[in-house]
Amino acid sequence: MKPNLVEIRLEKDKVKNWNEYPFSIPRVKTLEKLEFKKKVSFFVGENGSGKSTFLEAIADRYGFGREGGSKNISFETSSENSSTKLANAVKLSWTQKILGGYFFRAESFFNVASYIDDIQKIDGKAYLAYGGESLHKQSHGESFLSLFQNRFSRGGFFLLDEPEAALSPQRQLSLLVLLNKICQNKNTQFIIATHSPILLAYPDAQIFSFDSEKIEEIKYEDTKPYQITKSFLNNKHSYIKRLFNEE
């Protein structure tokens, strides 16, 4: 099935200062548009490549809070607004806009869980969409999966920033199964920024690399997480020896 969000275009006439972050990032400067052809797409790239900033801009443009959560969760613990600057310069094109969804940021998930606790004290119903109890009462990895299993089950537009951060390899496999199940819903789409070679292996996904001057679509076997992990596992001893000798 085709995705609902089919294109992201940078409207360059709305950029006031190309030397200002995040417009100074090479991948942003050279961006014309990204075309989405699959219901599951990945952003992959080294730290600082701009993939998370771009994902945050999509979330901001769609209407999610910058800290993460649904459209009904809106709070900020930082005054930094670089993603908002980029959000104001991007245009999202849809075949049919998806109304529900969630923006997951591993980095600020603790703050979102605390916000849900505060809402629970007010209306007593906030936990219903998160498995029935505080996400703080579960291990970090369990709370991630609890969110994915309970909050994502009905489908929607989902943006995930490094969801593997607290997941063991086995739990990452569980997330793959969950992604496949959720994607059976017609109005469902995922865009995921990740370093995980396990998640990147999702069948028939679209992968955008942020490791070159331009954002480009690449194959799974051409991603650095796959190549480095495979090289390390195939020759662990010589890999470590070479690394330590170079220090």
Foldseek 3Di string as FASTA:
>chain_A
DFAFFFKKAFQVVLDDDCVDPPSVQLQNVPTGMDGGGDQEEEEEEDPPLCPVLQLLLVCVLVQAESLKFWNVDHDDPDPDCRSVSRNVRMDIDGPDAWDTEIEADLVNVVVVLVVLVVVCVVPVCSCQQQQNDRLVVDPSLVSLVSNLVRNCQQATEYEEEASCPPPDPVVLVVVLVSVVNSPVDPNHGYYYYHLDLSNLVNPPYWYWYSHDSHTDTDDSCPGPSNVVVVVCVVPVPVVVVVVVVVD
